[in-house]
């Protein structure tokens, strides 16, 4: 599933800041586009929402337990019920 998600993000012209066995931090902003001074294209929040919705059909769980997509935005993406911009500083200890 992680490989499928990586492919969907890259296929949409985006990239990710980091990932783990069960997560992917997609580089995104409200409107998307090139990030100033970084040379990285951010997906828009609506593009991320489309990718999340795309995975709804791949949900292997009982719909009573997991009703929608197996992907979700973490609570940190919201403040007072509104989506907010997050930032990341990523350092790889393995490189």
PDB file of N, CA and C in Angstrom:
ATOM      1  N   UNK A   1       0.822  -1.189   0.000  1.00  0.00           N
ATOM      2  CA  UNK A   1       0.000   0.000   0.000  1.00  0.00           C
ATOM      3  C   UNK A   1       0.870   1.258   0.000  1.00  0.00           C
ATOM      4  N   UNK A   2       1.975   1.200   0.752  1.00  0.00           N
ATOM      5  CA  UNK A   2       2.857   2.366   0.803  1.00  0.00           C
ATOM      6  C   UNK A   2       3.432   2.663  -0.585  1.00  0.00           C
ATOM      7  N   UNK A   3       3.817   1.635  -1.315  1.00  0.00           N
ATOM      8  CA  UNK A   3       4.343   1.835  -2.667  1.00  0.00           C
ATOM      9  C   UNK A   3       3.269   2.422  -3.585  1.00  0.00           C
ATOM     10  N   UNK A   4       2.030   1.973  -3.444  1.00  0.00           N
ATOM     11  CA  UNK A   4       0.933   2.538  -4.237  1.00  0.00           C
ATOM     12  C   UNK A   4       0.734   4.014  -3.906  1.00  0.00           C
ATOM     13  N   UNK A   5       0.805   4.328  -2.626  1.00  0.00           N
ATOM     14  CA  UNK A   5       0.643   5.718  -2.206  1.00  0.00           C
ATOM     15  C   UNK A   5       1.782   6.584  -2.733  1.00  0.00           C
ATOM     16  N   UNK A   6       3.012   6.101  -2.633  1.00  0.00           N
ATOM     17  CA  UNK A   6       4.154   6.846  -3.181  1.00  0.00           C
ATOM     18  C   UNK A   6       3.938   7.118  -4.668  1.00  0.00           C
ATOM     19  N   UNK A   7       3.491   6.112  -5.392  1.00  0.00           N
ATOM     20  CA  UNK A   7       3.269   6.253  -6.845  1.00  0.00           C
ATOM     21  C   UNK A   7       2.171   7.270  -7.131  1.00  0.00           C
ATOM     22  N   UNK A   8       1.110   7.272  -6.350  1.00  0.00           N
ATOM     23  CA  UNK A   8       0.024   8.238  -6.555  1.00  0.00           C
ATOM     24  C   UNK A   8       0.511   9.660  -6.316  1.00  0.00           C
ATOM     25  N   UNK A   9       1.279   9.856  -5.267  1.00  0.00           N
ATOM     26  CA  UNK A   9       1.801  11.190  -4.954  1.00  0.00           C
ATOM     27  C   UNK A   9       2.757  11.647  -6.053  1.00  0.00           C
ATOM     28  N   UNK A  10       3.688  10.796  -6.440  1.00  0.00           N
ATOM     29  CA  UNK A  10       4.644  11.163  -7.482  1.00  0.00           C
ATOM     30  C   UNK A  10       3.952  11.324  -8.836  1.00  0.00           C
ATOM     31  N   UNK A  11       2.937  10.512  -9.103  1.00  0.00           N
ATOM     32  CA  UNK A  11       2.180  10.627 -10.345  1.00  0.00           C
ATOM     33  C   UNK A  11       1.424  11.945 -10.446  1.00  0.00           C
ATOM     34  N   UNK A  12       1.067  12.511  -9.300  1.00  0.00           N
ATOM     35  CA  UNK A  12       0.381  13.803  -9.265  1.00  0.00           C
ATOM     36  C   UNK A  12       1.376  14.963  -9.316  1.00  0.00           C
ATOM     37  N   UNK A  13       2.672  14.626  -9.417  1.00  0.00           N
ATOM     38  CA  UNK A  13       3.694  15.669  -9.492  1.00  0.00           C
ATOM     39  C   UNK A  13       4.225  16.111  -8.145  1.00  0.00           C
ATOM     40  N   UNK A  14       3.871  15.361  -7.103  1.00  0.00           N
ATOM     41  CA  UNK A  14       4.288  15.735  -5.757  1.00  0.00           C
ATOM     42  C   UNK A  14       5.429  14.888  -5.237  1.00  0.00           C
ATOM     43  N   UNK A  15       5.757  15.112  -3.977  1.00  0.00           N
ATOM     44  CA  UNK A  15       6.783  14.340  -3.295  1.00  0.00           C
ATOM     45  C   UNK A  15       6.407  14.260  -1.820  1.00  0.00           C
ATOM     46  N   UNK A  16       7.232  13.575  -1.052  1.00  0.00           N
ATOM     47  CA  UNK A  16       6.937  13.454   0.363  1.00  0.00           C
ATOM     48  C   UNK A  16       8.168  13.807   1.184  1.00  0.00           C
ATOM     49  N   UNK A  17       7.924  14.262   2.409  1.00  0.00           N
ATOM     50  CA  UNK A  17       9.009  14.681   3.288  1.00  0.00           C
ATOM     51  C   UNK A  17       9.650  13.480   3.973  1.00  0.00           C
ATOM     52  N   UNK A  18       8.828  12.518   4.382  1.00  0.00           N
ATOM     53  CA  UNK A  18       9.324  11.306   5.028  1.00  0.00           C
ATOM     54  C   UNK A  18       8.234  10.258   4.992  1.00  0.00           C
ATOM     55  N   UNK A  19       8.635   9.023   5.258  1.00  0.00           N
ATOM     56  CA  UNK A  19       7.646   7.954   5.343  1.00  0.00           C
ATOM     57  C   UNK A  19       8.122   6.929   6.355  1.00  0.00           C
ATOM     58  N   UNK A  20       7.203   6.062   6.742  1.00  0.00           N
ATOM     59  CA  UNK A  20       7.490   4.943   7.628  1.00  0.00           C
ATOM     60  C   UNK A  20       6.688   3.766   7.088  1.00  0.00           C
ATOM     61  N   UNK A  21       6.658   2.686   7.803  1.00  0.00           N
ATOM     62  CA  UNK A  21       5.969   1.501   7.290  1.00  0.00           C
ATOM     63  C   UNK A  21       4.479   1.711   7.077  1.00  0.00           C
ATOM     64  N   UNK A  22       3.873   2.650   7.803  1.00  0.00           N
ATOM     65  CA  UNK A  22       2.436   2.855   7.686  1.00  0.00           C
ATOM     66  C   UNK A  22       2.048   4.319   7.523  1.00  0.00           C
ATOM     67  N   UNK A  23       2.969   5.140   7.023  1.00  0.00           N
ATOM     68  CA  UNK A  23       2.640   6.560   6.879  1.00  0.00           C
ATOM     69  C   UNK A  23       3.497   7.212   5.797  1.00  0.00           C
ATOM     70  N   UNK A  24       2.956   8.310   5.276  1.00  0.00           N
ATOM     71  CA  UNK A  24       3.659   9.095   4.271  1.00  0.00           C
ATOM     72  C   UNK A  24       3.303  10.558   4.505  1.00  0.00           C
ATOM     73  N   UNK A  25       4.305  11.391   4.715  1.00  0.00           N
ATOM     74  CA  UNK A  25       4.085  12.818   4.932  1.00  0.00           C
ATOM     75  C   UNK A  25       4.221  13.528   3.590  1.00  0.00           C
ATOM     76  N   UNK A  26       3.089  13.788   2.965  1.00  0.00           N
ATOM     77  CA  UNK A  26       3.058  14.402   1.636  1.00  0.00           C
ATOM     78  C   UNK A  26       3.367  15.899   1.754  1.00  0.00           C
ATOM     79  N   UNK A  27       4.235  16.393   0.892  1.00  0.00           N
ATOM     80  CA  UNK A  27       4.509  17.826   0.839  1.00  0.00           C
ATOM     81  C   UNK A  27       3.312  18.484   0.165  1.00  0.00           C
ATOM     82  N   UNK A  28       2.607  19.320   0.933  1.00  0.00           N
ATOM     83  CA  UNK A  28       1.378  19.925   0.424  1.00  0.00           C
ATOM     84  C   UNK A  28       1.151  21.285   1.069  1.00  0.00           C
ATOM     85  N   UNK A  29       0.410  22.108   0.360  1.00  0.00           N
ATOM     86  CA  UNK A  29      -0.018  23.405   0.880  1.00  0.00           C
ATOM     87  C   UNK A  29      -1.444  23.641   0.398  1.00  0.00           C
ATOM     88  N   UNK A  30      -2.065  24.663   0.897  1.00  0.00           N
ATOM     89  CA  UNK A  30      -3.466  24.890   0.566  1.00  0.00           C
ATOM     90  C   UNK A  30      -3.704  24.960  -0.939  1.00  0.00           C
ATOM     91  N   UNK A  31      -2.862  25.683  -1.644  1.00  0.00           N
ATOM     92  CA  UNK A  31      -3.054  25.851  -3.090  1.00  0.00           C
ATOM     93  C   UNK A  31      -2.077  25.036  -3.933  1.00  0.00           C
ATOM     94  N   UNK A  32      -1.029  24.473  -3.303  1.00  0.00           N
ATOM     95  CA  UNK A  32      -0.037  23.699  -4.041  1.00  0.00           C
ATOM     96  C   UNK A  32       0.903  24.605  -4.817  1.00  0.00           C
ATOM     97  N   UNK A  33       1.801  24.006  -5.587  1.00  0.00           N
ATOM     98  CA  UNK A  33       2.745  24.750  -6.411  1.00  0.00           C
ATOM     99  C   UNK A  33       4.169  24.631  -5.897  1.00  0.00           C
ATOM    100  N   UNK A  34       5.060  25.343  -6.559  1.00  0.00           N
ATOM    101  CA  UNK A  34       6.476  25.293  -6.204  1.00  0.00           C
ATOM    102  C   UNK A  34       6.718  25.995  -4.874  1.00  0.00           C
ATOM    103  N   UNK A  35       7.553  25.391  -4.042  1.00  0.00           N
ATOM    104  CA  UNK A  35       7.921  25.998  -2.767  1.00  0.00           C
ATOM    105  C   UNK A  35       9.093  26.940  -2.998  1.00  0.00           C
ATOM    106  N   UNK A  36       8.989  28.132  -2.485  1.00  0.00           N
ATOM    107  CA  UNK A  36      10.023  29.143  -2.676  1.00  0.00           C
ATOM    108  C   UNK A  36      11.377  28.671  -2.164  1.00  0.00           C
ATOM    109  N   UNK A  37      12.396  28.774  -3.017  1.00  0.00           N
ATOM    110  CA  UNK A  37      13.764  28.494  -2.635  1.00  0.00           C
ATOM    111  C   UNK A  37      14.108  27.043  -2.389  1.00  0.00           C
ATOM    112  N   UNK A  38      13.173  26.141  -2.633  1.00  0.00           N
ATOM    113  CA  UNK A  38      13.434  24.735  -2.338  1.00  0.00           C
ATOM    114  C   UNK A  38      13.481  23.882  -3.606  1.00  0.00           C
ATOM    115  N   UNK A  39      12.773  24.303  -4.637  1.00  0.00           N
ATOM    116  CA  UNK A  39      12.729  23.537  -5.872  1.00  0.00           C
ATOM    117  C   UNK A  39      11.889  22.275  -5.768  1.00  0.00           C
ATOM    118  N   UNK A  40      10.898  22.307  -4.899  1.00  0.00           N
ATOM    119  CA  UNK A  40      10.011  21.158  -4.671  1.00  0.00           C
ATOM    120  C   UNK A  40       8.587  21.585  -4.970  1.00  0.00           C
ATOM    121  N   UNK A  41       7.856  20.716  -5.651  1.00  0.00           N
ATOM    122  CA  UNK A  41       6.452  20.986  -5.957  1.00  0.00           C
ATOM    123  C   UNK A  41       5.567  20.403  -4.867  1.00  0.00           C
ATOM    124  N   UNK A  42       4.755  21.236  -4.259  1.00  0.00           N
ATOM    125  CA  UNK A  42       3.798  20.797  -3.251  1.00  0.00           C
ATOM    126  C   UNK A  42       2.459  20.515  -3.917  1.00  0.00           C
ATOM    127  N   UNK A  43       1.825  19.429  -3.521  1.00  0.00           N
ATOM    128  CA  UNK A  43       0.461  19.173  -3.966  1.00  0.00           C
ATOM    129  C   UNK A  43      -0.474  20.103  -3.213  1.00  0.00           C
ATOM    130  N   UNK A  44      -1.629  20.357  -3.784  1.00  0.00           N
ATOM    131  CA  UNK A  44      -2.635  21.146  -3.058  1.00  0.00           C
ATOM    132  C   UNK A  44      -3.356  20.227  -2.081  1.00  0.00           C
ATOM    133  N   UNK A  45      -3.989  20.821  -1.081  1.00  0.00           N
ATOM    134  CA  UNK A  45      -4.746  20.017  -0.133  1.00  0.00           C
ATOM    135  C   UNK A  45      -5.840  19.237  -0.841  1.00  0.00           C
ATOM    136  N   UNK A  46      -6.445  19.827  -1.858  1.00  0.00           N
ATOM    137  CA  UNK A  46      -7.503  19.105  -2.576  1.00  0.00           C
ATOM    138  C   UNK A  46      -6.930  17.915  -3.350  1.00  0.00           C
ATOM    139  N   UNK A  47      -5.709  18.030  -3.864  1.00  0.00           N
ATOM    140  CA  UNK A  47      -5.071  16.891  -4.537  1.00  0.00           C
ATOM    141  C   UNK A  47      -4.790  15.766  -3.539  1.00  0.00           C
ATOM    142  N   UNK A  48      -4.355  16.131  -2.347  1.00  0.00           N
ATOM    143  CA  UNK A  48      -4.131  15.128  -1.297  1.00  0.00           C
ATOM    144  C   UNK A  48      -5.455  14.453  -0.938  1.00  0.00           C
ATOM    145  N   UNK A  49      -6.514  15.241  -0.816  1.00  0.00           N
ATOM    146  CA  UNK A  49      -7.838  14.684  -0.509  1.00  0.00           C
ATOM    147  C   UNK A  49      -8.293  13.704  -1.584  1.00  0.00           C
ATOM    148  N   UNK A  50      -7.996  13.995  -2.837  1.00  0.00           N
ATOM    149  CA  UNK A  50      -8.350  13.091  -3.934  1.00  0.00           C
ATOM    150  C   UNK A  50      -7.602  11.771  -3.815  1.00  0.00           C
ATOM    151  N   UNK A  51      -6.323  11.827  -3.443  1.00  0.00           N
ATOM    152  CA  UNK A  51      -5.541  10.602  -3.275  1.00  0.00           C
ATOM    153  C   UNK A  51      -6.109   9.786  -2.119  1.00  0.00           C
ATOM    154  N   UNK A  52      -6.443  10.451  -1.026  1.00  0.00           N
ATOM    155  CA  UNK A  52      -7.043   9.748   0.116  1.00  0.00           C
ATOM    156  C   UNK A  52      -8.341   9.062  -0.316  1.00  0.00           C
ATOM    157  N   UNK A  53      -9.172   9.768  -1.058  1.00  0.00           N
ATOM    158  CA  UNK A  53     -10.445   9.200  -1.532  1.00  0.00           C
ATOM    159  C   UNK A  53     -10.206   8.022  -2.472  1.00  0.00           C
ATOM    160  N   UNK A  54      -9.154   8.101  -3.275  1.00  0.00           N
ATOM    161  CA  UNK A  54      -8.816   7.036  -4.220  1.00  0.00           C
ATOM    162  C   UNK A  54      -8.576   5.707  -3.486  1.00  0.00           C
ATOM    163  N   UNK A  55      -8.049   5.782  -2.284  1.00  0.00           N
ATOM    164  CA  UNK A  55      -7.743   4.582  -1.513  1.00  0.00           C
ATOM    165  C   UNK A  55      -8.963   4.011  -0.792  1.00  0.00           C
ATOM    166  N   UNK A  56     -10.080   4.698  -0.842  1.00  0.00           N
ATOM    167  CA  UNK A  56     -11.299   4.207  -0.197  1.00  0.00           C
ATOM    168  C   UNK A  56     -11.680   2.823  -0.724  1.00  0.00           C
ATOM    169  N   UNK A  57     -11.541   2.622  -2.018  1.00  0.00           N
ATOM    170  CA  UNK A  57     -11.922   1.341  -2.628  1.00  0.00           C
ATOM    171  C   UNK A  57     -10.979   0.205  -2.220  1.00  0.00           C
ATOM    172  N   UNK A  58      -9.797   0.533  -1.713  1.00  0.00           N
ATOM    173  CA  UNK A  58      -8.832  -0.491  -1.318  1.00  0.00           C
ATOM    174  C   UNK A  58      -8.920  -0.847   0.164  1.00  0.00           C
ATOM    175  N   UNK A  59      -9.905  -0.315   0.849  1.00  0.00           N
ATOM    176  CA  UNK A  59     -10.064  -0.559   2.275  1.00  0.00           C
ATOM    177  C   UNK A  59     -10.425  -2.029   2.511  1.00  0.00           C
ATOM    178  N   UNK A  60      -9.540  -2.818   3.146  1.00  0.00           N
ATOM    179  CA  UNK A  60      -9.816  -4.240   3.361  1.00  0.00           C
ATOM    180  C   UNK A  60     -10.596  -4.521   4.650  1.00  0.00           C
ATOM    181  N   UNK A  61     -10.891  -3.488   5.415  1.00  0.00           N
ATOM    182  CA  UNK A  61     -11.503  -3.664   6.731  1.00  0.00           C
ATOM    183  C   UNK A  61     -13.030  -3.600   6.676  1.00  0.00           C
ATOM    184  N   UNK A  62     -13.634  -4.133   7.704  1.00  0.00           N
ATOM    185  CA  UNK A  62     -15.079  -4.049   7.883  1.00  0.00           C
ATOM    186  C   UNK A  62     -15.454  -2.564   7.906  1.00  0.00           C
ATOM    187  N   UNK A  63     -16.386  -2.163   7.075  1.00  0.00           N
ATOM    188  CA  UNK A  63     -16.766  -0.746   6.953  1.00  0.00           C
ATOM    189  C   UNK A  63     -17.349  -0.180   8.248  1.00  0.00           C
ATOM    190  N   UNK A  64     -17.793  -1.043   9.145  1.00  0.00           N
ATOM    191  CA  UNK A  64     -18.266  -0.562  10.446  1.00  0.00           C
ATOM    192  C   UNK A  64     -17.097  -0.143  11.323  1.00  0.00           C
ATOM    193  N   UNK A  65     -15.928  -0.729  11.096  1.00  0.00           N
ATOM    194  CA  UNK A  65     -14.736  -0.391  11.876  1.00  0.00           C
ATOM    195  C   UNK A  65     -13.957   0.762  11.241  1.00  0.00           C
ATOM    196  N   UNK A  66     -13.779   0.694   9.923  1.00  0.00           N
ATOM    197  CA  UNK A  66     -13.064   1.740   9.178  1.00  0.00           C
ATOM    198  C   UNK A  66     -13.963   2.103   8.001  1.00  0.00           C
ATOM    199  N   UNK A  67     -14.736   3.155   8.171  1.00  0.00           N
ATOM    200  CA  UNK A  67     -15.799   3.473   7.213  1.00  0.00           C
ATOM    201  C   UNK A  67     -15.289   4.005   5.875  1.00  0.00           C
ATOM    202  N   UNK A  68     -14.233   4.770   5.881  1.00  0.00           N
ATOM    203  CA  UNK A  68     -13.784   5.431   4.661  1.00  0.00           C
ATOM    204  C   UNK A  68     -12.451   4.876   4.187  1.00  0.00           C
ATOM    205  N   UNK A  69     -11.605   5.753   3.743  1.00  0.00           N
ATOM    206  CA  UNK A  69     -10.285   5.381   3.251  1.00  0.00           C
ATOM    207  C   UNK A  69      -9.419   4.872   4.388  1.00  0.00           C
ATOM    208  N   UNK A  70      -8.466   4.015   4.055  1.00  0.00           N
ATOM    209  CA  UNK A  70      -7.501   3.572   5.057  1.00  0.00           C
ATOM    210  C   UNK A  70      -6.471   4.669   5.322  1.00  0.00           C
ATOM    211  N   UNK A  71      -6.479   5.696   4.490  1.00  0.00           N
ATOM    212  CA  UNK A  71      -5.598   6.844   4.694  1.00  0.00           C
ATOM    213  C   UNK A  71      -6.360   7.932   5.439  1.00  0.00           C
ATOM    214  N   UNK A  72      -5.649   8.688   6.249  1.00  0.00           N
ATOM    215  CA  UNK A  72      -6.296   9.782   6.963  1.00  0.00           C
ATOM    216  C   UNK A  72      -5.295  10.899   7.203  1.00  0.00           C
ATOM    217  N   UNK A  73      -5.829  12.063   7.390  1.00  0.00           N
ATOM    218  CA  UNK A  73      -5.011  13.187   7.828  1.00  0.00           C
ATOM    219  C   UNK A  73      -4.929  13.114   9.343  1.00  0.00           C
ATOM    220  N   UNK A  74      -3.756  13.319   9.881  1.00  0.00           N
ATOM    221  CA  UNK A  74      -3.583  13.280  11.329  1.00  0.00           C
ATOM    222  C   UNK A  74      -4.190  14.524  11.969  1.00  0.00           C
ATOM    223  N   UNK A  75      -4.530  14.414  13.240  1.00  0.00           N
ATOM    224  CA  UNK A  75      -5.161  15.526  13.963  1.00  0.00           C
ATOM    225  C   UNK A  75      -4.283  16.769  13.979  1.00  0.00           C
ATOM    226  N   UNK A  76      -2.967  16.596  13.837  1.00  0.00           N
ATOM    227  CA  UNK A  76      -2.044  17.734  13.832  1.00  0.00           C
ATOM    228  C   UNK A  76      -2.268  18.656  12.634  1.00  0.00           C
ATOM    229  N   UNK A  77      -2.973  18.157  11.610  1.00  0.00           N
ATOM    230  CA  UNK A  77      -3.270  18.967  10.429  1.00  0.00           C
ATOM    231  C   UNK A  77      -4.389  19.964  10.662  1.00  0.00           C
ATOM    232  N   UNK A  78      -4.971  19.946  11.849  1.00  0.00           N
ATOM    233  CA  UNK A  78      -6.129  20.789  12.140  1.00  0.00           C
ATOM    234  C   UNK A  78      -5.943  21.551  13.445  1.00  0.00           C
ATOM    235  N   UNK A  79      -6.467  22.758  13.454  1.00  0.00           N
ATOM    236  CA  UNK A  79      -6.548  23.567  14.671  1.00  0.00           C
ATOM    237  C   UNK A  79      -7.901  24.250  14.665  1.00  0.00           C
ATOM    238  N   UNK A  80      -8.624  24.090  15.756  1.00  0.00           N
ATOM    239  CA  UNK A  80      -9.963  24.671  15.884  1.00  0.00           C
ATOM    240  C   UNK A  80     -10.864  24.270  14.714  1.00  0.00           C
ATOM    241  N   UNK A  81     -10.718  23.020  14.262  1.00  0.00           N
ATOM    242  CA  UNK A  81     -11.556  22.500  13.195  1.00  0.00           C
ATOM    243  C   UNK A  81     -11.163  22.921  11.791  1.00  0.00           C
ATOM    244  N   UNK A  82     -10.108  23.709  11.661  1.00  0.00           N
ATOM    245  CA  UNK A  82      -9.653  24.177  10.339  1.00  0.00           C
ATOM    246  C   UNK A  82      -8.299  23.561  10.009  1.00  0.00           C
ATOM    247  N   UNK A  83      -8.122  23.251   8.747  1.00  0.00           N
ATOM    248  CA  UNK A  83      -6.854  22.700   8.288  1.00  0.00           C
ATOM    249  C   UNK A  83      -5.789  23.783   8.348  1.00  0.00           C
ATOM    250  N   UNK A  84      -4.604  23.411   8.806  1.00  0.00           N
ATOM    251  CA  UNK A  84      -3.509  24.373   8.924  1.00  0.00           C
ATOM    252  C   UNK A  84      -2.287  23.884   8.161  1.00  0.00           C
ATOM    253  N   UNK A  85      -1.395  24.797   7.854  1.00  0.00           N
ATOM    254  CA  UNK A  85      -0.150  24.462   7.180  1.00  0.00           C
ATOM    255  C   UNK A  85       0.833  23.899   8.195  1.00  0.00           C
ATOM    256  N   UNK A  86       1.431  22.766   7.868  1.00  0.00           N
ATOM    257  CA  UNK A  86       2.481  22.181   8.696  1.00  0.00           C
ATOM    258  C   UNK A  86       3.815  22.326   7.983  1.00  0.00           C
ATOM    259  N   UNK A  87       4.880  22.265   8.746  1.00  0.00           N
ATOM    260  CA  UNK A  87       6.236  22.378   8.207  1.00  0.00           C
ATOM    261  C   UNK A  87       7.064  21.213   8.729  1.00  0.00           C
ATOM    262  N   UNK A  88       8.094  20.840   7.985  1.00  0.00           N
ATOM    263  CA  UNK A  88       8.937  19.712   8.396  1.00  0.00           C
ATOM    264  C   UNK A  88      10.402  20.058   8.178  1.00  0.00           C
ATOM    265  N   UNK A  89      11.219  19.617   9.104  1.00  0.00           N
ATOM    266  CA  UNK A  89      12.664  19.644   8.962  1.00  0.00           C
ATOM    267  C   UNK A  89      13.080  18.194   9.091  1.00  0.00           C
ATOM    268  N   UNK A  90      13.538  17.606   7.992  1.00  0.00           N
ATOM    269  CA  UNK A  90      13.831  16.168   7.976  1.00  0.00           C
ATOM    270  C   UNK A  90      15.319  15.929   7.843  1.00  0.00           C
ATOM    271  N   UNK A  91      15.826  15.104   8.735  1.00  0.00           N
ATOM    272  CA  UNK A  91      17.241  14.721   8.722  1.00  0.00           C
ATOM    273  C   UNK A  91      17.290  13.210   8.757  1.00  0.00           C
ATOM    274  N   UNK A  92      18.009  12.625   7.825  1.00  0.00           N
ATOM    275  CA  UNK A  92      18.096  11.164   7.774  1.00  0.00           C
ATOM    276  C   UNK A  92      19.378  10.701   8.445  1.00  0.00           C
ATOM    277  N   UNK A  93      19.233   9.947   9.512  1.00  0.00           N
ATOM    278  CA  UNK A  93      20.391   9.409  10.223  1.00  0.00           C
ATOM    279  C   UNK A  93      21.034   8.260   9.461  1.00  0.00           C
ATOM    280  N   UNK A  94      20.335   7.716   8.490  1.00  0.00           N
ATOM    281  CA  UNK A  94      20.833   6.559   7.743  1.00  0.00           C
ATOM    282  C   UNK A  94      21.583   6.927   6.468  1.00  0.00           C
ATOM    283  N   UNK A  95      21.709   8.199   6.205  1.00  0.00           N
ATOM    284  CA  UNK A  95      22.397   8.610   4.972  1.00  0.00           C
ATOM    285  C   UNK A  95      23.685   9.316   5.291  1.00  0.00           C
TER     286      UNK A  95
END
